[in-house]
Amino acid sequence: MPDYDSARLSAIELIKNGEASCVLIKDGSVAKTYQQRGISPVIELFEKGLLSGGFVADKIIGRAAAMILVLGGAAGCYGEVISGAALDYLCDKGLQVSYGSVVERIMNRTGDGMCPMEASVRDIDDPQQALAALKNKLAELMRESR
């Protein structure tokens, strides 16, 4: 029988120790780890159909990531940092949530404004629409960085 508690604790330790930015637990073991920043790992897990029934540990969970976790059918998550809006959303949707600390909002990488991913879903309640908005924002940011 898989040891879910042990696997979740291992995933959380990987996040806390800076060894991963995002970790997926499936069937009681670490299934996937990521080092890259941002929401891309959560979107990739969704697109590969890996979120369903899984547990995700992530450095930062904002409302944008929360909506993708719900859309993908994740069973639960841990955010080292989680926004109040994400926590409320996840709890309302029935996910098991644990966290290191709660912040009012997720900031952008320079710390002088709201995270662009969060801003792109601020007025969206439907997770499918949120996914489309996030993909558009990611594409826009990729174009700007060239």
N, C-alpha and C. Protein backbone atom coordinates (compact mmCIF):
# COMPACT_ATOMS: atom_id res chain seq x y z
N MET A 1 0.84 -1.19 0.00
CA MET A 1 0.00 0.00 0.00
C MET A 1 0.89 1.25 0.00
N PRO A 2 0.60 2.24 -0.90
CA PRO A 2 1.43 3.44 -0.97
C PRO A 2 1.38 4.25 0.32
N ASP A 3 2.51 4.84 0.68
CA ASP A 3 2.60 5.67 1.88
C ASP A 3 2.46 7.14 1.48
N TYR A 4 1.21 7.61 1.40
CA TYR A 4 0.94 8.96 0.93
C TYR A 4 1.52 10.01 1.86
N ASP A 5 1.40 9.83 3.17
CA ASP A 5 1.90 10.83 4.12
C ASP A 5 3.41 11.01 3.97
N SER A 6 4.13 9.92 3.86
CA SER A 6 5.58 9.99 3.71
C SER A 6 5.96 10.68 2.40
N ALA A 7 5.26 10.37 1.33
CA ALA A 7 5.53 10.98 0.03
C ALA A 7 5.25 12.48 0.07
N ARG A 8 4.15 12.86 0.70
CA ARG A 8 3.82 14.29 0.80
C ARG A 8 4.87 15.03 1.61
N LEU A 9 5.30 14.44 2.71
CA LEU A 9 6.34 15.07 3.53
C LEU A 9 7.64 15.20 2.74
N SER A 10 7.97 14.20 1.96
CA SER A 10 9.17 14.26 1.11
C SER A 10 9.06 15.40 0.10
N ALA A 11 7.89 15.54 -0.51
CA ALA A 11 7.67 16.61 -1.49
C ALA A 11 7.81 17.97 -0.84
N ILE A 12 7.22 18.13 0.33
CA ILE A 12 7.29 19.40 1.05
C ILE A 12 8.74 19.72 1.42
N GLU A 13 9.49 18.74 1.84
CA GLU A 13 10.91 18.94 2.17
C GLU A 13 11.71 19.37 0.94
N LEU A 14 11.42 18.79 -0.22
CA LEU A 14 12.10 19.19 -1.46
C LEU A 14 11.86 20.67 -1.74
N ILE A 15 10.63 21.13 -1.51
CA ILE A 15 10.29 22.54 -1.71
C ILE A 15 11.01 23.40 -0.68
N LYS A 16 10.89 23.05 0.58
CA LYS A 16 11.49 23.85 1.66
C LYS A 16 13.01 23.94 1.53
N ASN A 17 13.65 22.87 1.07
CA ASN A 17 15.11 22.85 0.94
C ASN A 17 15.61 23.47 -0.35
N GLY A 18 14.68 23.94 -1.20
CA GLY A 18 15.07 24.55 -2.46
C GLY A 18 15.54 23.56 -3.52
N GLU A 19 15.25 22.28 -3.31
CA GLU A 19 15.66 21.26 -4.27
C GLU A 19 14.68 21.13 -5.43
N ALA A 20 13.50 21.71 -5.29
CA ALA A 20 12.49 21.69 -6.35
C ALA A 20 11.58 22.90 -6.17
N SER A 21 10.97 23.31 -7.27
CA SER A 21 9.99 24.40 -7.19
C SER A 21 8.57 23.85 -7.21
N CYS A 22 8.41 22.66 -7.77
CA CYS A 22 7.10 22.02 -7.87
C CYS A 22 7.31 20.50 -7.87
N VAL A 23 6.48 19.81 -7.09
CA VAL A 23 6.60 18.35 -6.98
C VAL A 23 5.21 17.74 -7.09
N LEU A 24 5.07 16.71 -7.90
CA LEU A 24 3.82 15.97 -8.03
C LEU A 24 3.95 14.63 -7.33
N ILE A 25 2.97 14.32 -6.48
CA ILE A 25 2.87 13.01 -5.84
C ILE A 25 1.69 12.28 -6.47
N LYS A 26 1.95 11.09 -6.96
CA LYS A 26 0.90 10.23 -7.51
C LYS A 26 1.12 8.83 -6.97
N ASP A 27 0.04 8.17 -6.60
CA ASP A 27 0.10 6.78 -6.14
C ASP A 27 1.13 6.58 -5.02
N GLY A 28 1.25 7.58 -4.16
CA GLY A 28 2.09 7.45 -2.97
C GLY A 28 3.58 7.64 -3.17
N SER A 29 3.98 8.18 -4.33
CA SER A 29 5.40 8.44 -4.53
C SER A 29 5.61 9.69 -5.38
N VAL A 30 6.82 10.22 -5.33
CA VAL A 30 7.16 11.39 -6.13
C VAL A 30 7.15 10.97 -7.60
N ALA A 31 6.28 11.60 -8.38
CA ALA A 31 6.15 11.25 -9.79
C ALA A 31 6.90 12.21 -10.70
N LYS A 32 7.03 13.48 -10.27
CA LYS A 32 7.65 14.49 -11.13
C LYS A 32 8.14 15.63 -10.26
N THR A 33 9.32 16.15 -10.57
CA THR A 33 9.82 17.35 -9.89
C THR A 33 10.24 18.37 -10.93
N TYR A 34 10.13 19.62 -10.57
CA TYR A 34 10.50 20.73 -11.45
C TYR A 34 11.39 21.70 -10.69
N GLN A 35 12.25 22.38 -11.43
CA GLN A 35 13.10 23.43 -10.87
C GLN A 35 12.69 24.82 -11.36
N GLN A 36 11.95 24.88 -12.48
CA GLN A 36 11.67 26.19 -13.04
C GLN A 36 10.64 26.95 -12.21
N ARG A 37 10.75 28.28 -12.30
CA ARG A 37 9.87 29.16 -11.55
C ARG A 37 8.56 29.38 -12.30
N GLY A 38 7.60 29.93 -11.58
CA GLY A 38 6.36 30.32 -12.21
C GLY A 38 5.33 29.21 -12.29
N ILE A 39 4.31 29.48 -13.09
CA ILE A 39 3.15 28.59 -13.19
C ILE A 39 3.33 27.50 -14.25
N SER A 40 4.37 27.58 -15.05
CA SER A 40 4.57 26.62 -16.14
C SER A 40 4.53 25.16 -15.71
N PRO A 41 5.17 24.77 -14.57
CA PRO A 41 5.09 23.36 -14.18
C PRO A 41 3.66 22.88 -13.93
N VAL A 42 2.84 23.71 -13.30
CA VAL A 42 1.45 23.32 -13.02
C VAL A 42 0.67 23.17 -14.32
N ILE A 43 0.89 24.08 -15.25
CA ILE A 43 0.21 23.99 -16.55
C ILE A 43 0.68 22.73 -17.30
N GLU A 44 1.97 22.44 -17.25
CA GLU A 44 2.48 21.23 -17.91
C GLU A 44 1.86 19.96 -17.30
N LEU A 45 1.78 19.91 -15.98
CA LEU A 45 1.15 18.76 -15.32
C LEU A 45 -0.30 18.61 -15.76
N PHE A 46 -1.00 19.74 -15.88
CA PHE A 46 -2.39 19.71 -16.34
C PHE A 46 -2.46 19.18 -17.77
N GLU A 47 -1.64 19.74 -18.65
CA GLU A 47 -1.69 19.36 -20.07
C GLU A 47 -1.33 17.90 -20.30
N LYS A 48 -0.50 17.34 -19.43
CA LYS A 48 -0.13 15.93 -19.55
C LYS A 48 -1.13 15.01 -18.83
N GLY A 49 -2.17 15.60 -18.23
CA GLY A 49 -3.19 14.81 -17.56
C GLY A 49 -2.72 14.16 -16.27
N LEU A 50 -1.72 14.75 -15.62
CA LEU A 50 -1.13 14.14 -14.44
C LEU A 50 -1.70 14.64 -13.11
N LEU A 51 -2.49 15.70 -13.14
CA LEU A 51 -2.98 16.27 -11.88
C LEU A 51 -4.08 15.45 -11.21
N SER A 52 -4.88 14.75 -11.98
CA SER A 52 -6.05 14.06 -11.44
C SER A 52 -5.69 13.13 -10.28
N GLY A 53 -6.25 13.43 -9.12
CA GLY A 53 -6.03 12.63 -7.93
C GLY A 53 -4.67 12.82 -7.28
N GLY A 54 -3.86 13.70 -7.84
CA GLY A 54 -2.51 13.90 -7.33
C GLY A 54 -2.43 14.97 -6.25
N PHE A 55 -1.27 15.04 -5.64
CA PHE A 55 -0.95 16.05 -4.63
C PHE A 55 0.22 16.85 -5.18
N VAL A 56 0.10 18.18 -5.16
CA VAL A 56 1.14 19.05 -5.69
C VAL A 56 1.71 19.90 -4.57
N ALA A 57 3.02 19.89 -4.45
CA ALA A 57 3.72 20.81 -3.54
C ALA A 57 4.42 21.83 -4.43
N ASP A 58 4.28 23.11 -4.09
CA ASP A 58 4.83 24.17 -4.92
C ASP A 58 5.37 25.28 -4.03
N LYS A 59 6.38 26.01 -4.53
CA LYS A 59 6.93 27.12 -3.76
C LYS A 59 5.89 28.20 -3.54
N ILE A 60 5.14 28.51 -4.60
CA ILE A 60 4.16 29.60 -4.53
C ILE A 60 2.88 29.14 -5.22
N ILE A 61 1.77 29.28 -4.51
CA ILE A 61 0.47 28.98 -5.11
C ILE A 61 -0.41 30.22 -4.99
N GLY A 62 -0.68 30.81 -6.14
CA GLY A 62 -1.62 31.91 -6.21
C GLY A 62 -2.93 31.40 -6.76
N ARG A 63 -3.86 32.31 -6.95
CA ARG A 63 -5.18 31.92 -7.46
C ARG A 63 -5.07 31.31 -8.85
N ALA A 64 -4.14 31.79 -9.67
CA ALA A 64 -3.96 31.25 -11.02
C ALA A 64 -3.61 29.77 -10.96
N ALA A 65 -2.62 29.41 -10.17
CA ALA A 65 -2.23 28.00 -10.03
C ALA A 65 -3.35 27.20 -9.39
N ALA A 66 -4.03 27.79 -8.42
CA ALA A 66 -5.14 27.10 -7.74
C ALA A 66 -6.22 26.69 -8.74
N MET A 67 -6.53 27.58 -9.67
CA MET A 67 -7.57 27.28 -10.65
C MET A 67 -7.15 26.12 -11.56
N ILE A 68 -5.87 26.05 -11.91
CA ILE A 68 -5.39 24.95 -12.75
C ILE A 68 -5.40 23.64 -11.96
N LEU A 69 -5.03 23.70 -10.69
CA LEU A 69 -5.08 22.49 -9.86
C LEU A 69 -6.50 21.94 -9.79
N VAL A 70 -7.47 22.83 -9.62
CA VAL A 70 -8.88 22.41 -9.57
C VAL A 70 -9.31 21.86 -10.92
N LEU A 71 -8.98 22.56 -11.99
CA LEU A 71 -9.35 22.13 -13.33
C LEU A 71 -8.79 20.73 -13.64
N GLY A 72 -7.58 20.47 -13.16
CA GLY A 72 -6.94 19.18 -13.41
C GLY A 72 -7.35 18.07 -12.47
N GLY A 73 -8.16 18.40 -11.46
CA GLY A 73 -8.64 17.37 -10.55
C GLY A 73 -7.67 16.95 -9.46
N ALA A 74 -6.75 17.85 -9.09
CA ALA A 74 -5.82 17.53 -8.00
C ALA A 74 -6.61 17.28 -6.72
N ALA A 75 -6.11 16.37 -5.90
CA ALA A 75 -6.77 16.05 -4.63
C ALA A 75 -6.34 17.00 -3.52
N GLY A 76 -5.13 17.53 -3.64
CA GLY A 76 -4.63 18.42 -2.60
C GLY A 76 -3.34 19.08 -3.00
N CYS A 77 -2.91 20.02 -2.16
CA CYS A 77 -1.68 20.74 -2.46
C CYS A 77 -1.06 21.33 -1.21
N TYR A 78 0.21 21.67 -1.34
CA TYR A 78 0.95 22.39 -0.33
C TYR A 78 1.60 23.57 -1.04
N GLY A 79 1.47 24.75 -0.47
CA GLY A 79 2.16 25.93 -0.98
C GLY A 79 3.06 26.47 0.11
N GLU A 80 4.35 26.56 -0.17
CA GLU A 80 5.25 27.17 0.82
C GLU A 80 4.76 28.58 1.11
N VAL A 81 4.33 29.26 0.04
CA VAL A 81 3.64 30.55 0.14
C VAL A 81 2.35 30.40 -0.65
N ILE A 82 1.25 30.82 -0.07
CA ILE A 82 -0.04 30.75 -0.76
C ILE A 82 -0.78 32.06 -0.54
N SER A 83 -1.48 32.52 -1.56
CA SER A 83 -2.26 33.75 -1.40
C SER A 83 -3.58 33.42 -0.70
N GLY A 84 -4.11 34.41 -0.02
CA GLY A 84 -5.41 34.22 0.64
C GLY A 84 -6.49 33.85 -0.36
N ALA A 85 -6.44 34.46 -1.55
CA ALA A 85 -7.43 34.16 -2.59
C ALA A 85 -7.32 32.71 -3.06
N ALA A 86 -6.08 32.22 -3.18
CA ALA A 86 -5.88 30.82 -3.59
C ALA A 86 -6.37 29.87 -2.51
N LEU A 87 -6.06 30.18 -1.27
CA LEU A 87 -6.49 29.34 -0.15
C LEU A 87 -8.01 29.25 -0.10
N ASP A 88 -8.68 30.39 -0.22
CA ASP A 88 -10.15 30.40 -0.21
C ASP A 88 -10.71 29.59 -1.37
N TYR A 89 -10.15 29.79 -2.56
CA TYR A 89 -10.63 29.10 -3.76
C TYR A 89 -10.47 27.59 -3.61
N LEU A 90 -9.30 27.15 -3.19
CA LEU A 90 -9.04 25.72 -3.05
C LEU A 90 -9.93 25.08 -1.98
N CYS A 91 -10.10 25.77 -0.87
CA CYS A 91 -10.97 25.24 0.20
C CYS A 91 -12.42 25.17 -0.27
N ASP A 92 -12.86 26.20 -1.00
CA ASP A 92 -14.23 26.20 -1.53
C ASP A 92 -14.46 25.03 -2.49
N LYS A 93 -13.41 24.63 -3.19
CA LYS A 93 -13.52 23.53 -4.16
C LYS A 93 -13.25 22.16 -3.53
N GLY A 94 -12.98 22.13 -2.23
CA GLY A 94 -12.84 20.87 -1.52
C GLY A 94 -11.48 20.20 -1.56
N LEU A 95 -10.44 20.93 -1.97
CA LEU A 95 -9.10 20.34 -1.97
C LEU A 95 -8.51 20.37 -0.57
N GLN A 96 -7.68 19.39 -0.27
CA GLN A 96 -6.92 19.38 0.98
C GLN A 96 -5.74 20.33 0.78
N VAL A 97 -5.63 21.33 1.64
CA VAL A 97 -4.61 22.35 1.47
C VAL A 97 -3.78 22.50 2.73
N SER A 98 -2.48 22.55 2.56
CA SER A 98 -1.58 22.92 3.66
C SER A 98 -0.60 23.95 3.10
N TYR A 99 0.03 24.70 3.99
CA TYR A 99 0.88 25.80 3.53
C TYR A 99 1.88 26.21 4.61
N GLY A 100 2.90 26.93 4.14
CA GLY A 100 3.90 27.49 5.04
C GLY A 100 3.45 28.84 5.56
N SER A 101 3.06 29.73 4.63
CA SER A 101 2.57 31.05 5.02
C SER A 101 1.55 31.56 4.00
N VAL A 102 0.68 32.43 4.49
CA VAL A 102 -0.36 33.04 3.64
C VAL A 102 0.00 34.50 3.42
N VAL A 103 -0.09 34.95 2.17
CA VAL A 103 0.15 36.35 1.84
C VAL A 103 -1.11 36.93 1.22
N GLU A 104 -1.19 38.25 1.25
CA GLU A 104 -2.37 38.92 0.68
C GLU A 104 -2.43 38.71 -0.82
N ARG A 105 -1.28 38.86 -1.48
CA ARG A 105 -1.25 38.63 -2.93
C ARG A 105 0.15 38.20 -3.36
N ILE A 106 0.20 37.58 -4.53
CA ILE A 106 1.46 37.13 -5.11
C ILE A 106 2.03 38.29 -5.93
N MET A 107 3.27 38.63 -5.64
CA MET A 107 3.91 39.76 -6.32
C MET A 107 4.66 39.28 -7.56
N ASN A 108 4.96 40.24 -8.44
CA ASN A 108 5.77 39.92 -9.62
C ASN A 108 7.22 39.70 -9.18
N ARG A 109 8.06 39.29 -10.10
CA ARG A 109 9.44 38.91 -9.74
C ARG A 109 10.28 40.09 -9.28
N THR A 110 9.92 41.31 -9.68
CA THR A 110 10.67 42.48 -9.22
C THR A 110 10.11 43.04 -7.92
N GLY A 111 8.97 42.52 -7.49
CA GLY A 111 8.39 42.93 -6.21
C GLY A 111 7.70 44.28 -6.21
N ASP A 112 7.46 44.84 -7.40
CA ASP A 112 6.85 46.17 -7.45
C ASP A 112 5.42 46.16 -7.98
N GLY A 113 4.80 45.01 -8.03
CA GLY A 113 3.42 44.92 -8.49
C GLY A 113 2.91 43.50 -8.40
N MET A 114 1.67 43.34 -8.80
CA MET A 114 1.05 42.02 -8.76
C MET A 114 1.64 41.11 -9.82
N CYS A 115 1.74 39.83 -9.50
CA CYS A 115 2.18 38.82 -10.47
C CYS A 115 1.31 38.91 -11.72
N PRO A 116 1.90 38.92 -12.91
CA PRO A 116 1.10 39.03 -14.13
C PRO A 116 0.13 37.86 -14.33
N MET A 117 0.48 36.68 -13.84
CA MET A 117 -0.43 35.54 -13.95
C MET A 117 -1.66 35.76 -13.07
N GLU A 118 -1.42 36.27 -11.88
CA GLU A 118 -2.53 36.56 -10.97
C GLU A 118 -3.43 37.64 -11.56
N ALA A 119 -2.81 38.68 -12.12
CA ALA A 119 -3.58 39.77 -12.72
C ALA A 119 -4.43 39.27 -13.88
N SER A 120 -3.91 38.29 -14.63
CA SER A 120 -4.64 37.81 -15.80
C SER A 120 -5.90 37.02 -15.45
N VAL A 121 -5.99 36.51 -14.22
CA VAL A 121 -7.19 35.74 -13.81
C VAL A 121 -7.99 36.44 -12.71
N ARG A 122 -7.60 37.65 -12.37
CA ARG A 122 -8.22 38.38 -11.27
C ARG A 122 -9.75 38.42 -11.36
N ASP A 123 -10.28 38.65 -12.54
CA ASP A 123 -11.73 38.79 -12.71
C ASP A 123 -12.37 37.56 -13.35
N ILE A 124 -11.70 36.43 -13.31
CA ILE A 124 -12.20 35.20 -13.93
C ILE A 124 -12.53 34.18 -12.84
N ASP A 125 -13.71 33.58 -12.94
CA ASP A 125 -14.10 32.55 -11.98
C ASP A 125 -14.10 31.14 -12.58
N ASP A 126 -14.19 31.05 -13.90
CA ASP A 126 -14.23 29.75 -14.57
C ASP A 126 -12.80 29.26 -14.83
N PRO A 127 -12.44 28.07 -14.32
CA PRO A 127 -11.07 27.58 -14.50
C PRO A 127 -10.66 27.39 -15.96
N GLN A 128 -11.59 27.01 -16.82
CA GLN A 128 -11.26 26.83 -18.24
C GLN A 128 -10.90 28.17 -18.88
N GLN A 129 -11.64 29.21 -18.53
CA GLN A 129 -11.32 30.56 -19.02
C GLN A 129 -10.00 31.03 -18.44
N ALA A 130 -9.74 30.67 -17.19
CA ALA A 130 -8.48 31.04 -16.55
C ALA A 130 -7.30 30.41 -17.29
N LEU A 131 -7.43 29.15 -17.67
CA LEU A 131 -6.36 28.47 -18.40
C LEU A 131 -6.06 29.19 -19.71
N ALA A 132 -7.10 29.57 -20.44
CA ALA A 132 -6.91 30.29 -21.71
C ALA A 132 -6.21 31.63 -21.46
N ALA A 133 -6.64 32.35 -20.43
CA ALA A 133 -6.03 33.64 -20.11
C ALA A 133 -4.56 33.47 -19.71
N LEU A 134 -4.26 32.42 -18.97
CA LEU A 134 -2.88 32.17 -18.54
C LEU A 134 -1.99 31.82 -19.73
N LYS A 135 -2.50 31.01 -20.63
CA LYS A 135 -1.72 30.65 -21.82
C LYS A 135 -1.44 31.88 -22.67
N ASN A 136 -2.45 32.75 -22.80
CA ASN A 136 -2.27 33.99 -23.56
C ASN A 136 -1.21 34.87 -22.91
N LYS A 137 -1.27 34.99 -21.58
CA LYS A 137 -0.31 35.83 -20.85
C LYS A 137 1.10 35.25 -20.97
N LEU A 138 1.24 33.93 -20.85
CA LEU A 138 2.56 33.31 -21.00
C LEU A 138 3.13 33.56 -22.40
N ALA A 139 2.29 33.43 -23.42
CA ALA A 139 2.74 33.67 -24.79
C ALA A 139 3.17 35.13 -24.96
N GLU A 140 2.40 36.04 -24.38
CA GLU A 140 2.73 37.47 -24.45
C GLU A 140 4.08 37.74 -23.77
N LEU A 141 4.30 37.17 -22.61
CA LEU A 141 5.56 37.37 -21.89
C LEU A 141 6.74 36.77 -22.64
N MET A 142 6.51 35.64 -23.31
CA MET A 142 7.57 35.02 -24.11
C MET A 142 7.95 35.93 -25.29
N ARG A 143 6.94 36.52 -25.93
CA ARG A 143 7.21 37.43 -27.05
C ARG A 143 8.00 38.64 -26.57
N GLU A 144 7.62 39.18 -25.40
CA GLU A 144 8.29 40.37 -24.87
C GLU A 144 9.74 40.09 -24.49
N SER A 145 10.04 38.87 -24.11
CA SER A 145 11.40 38.55 -23.64
C SER A 145 12.38 38.29 -24.79
N ARG A 146 11.88 38.26 -26.00
CA ARG A 146 12.75 37.99 -27.17
C ARG A 146 13.44 39.23 -27.64
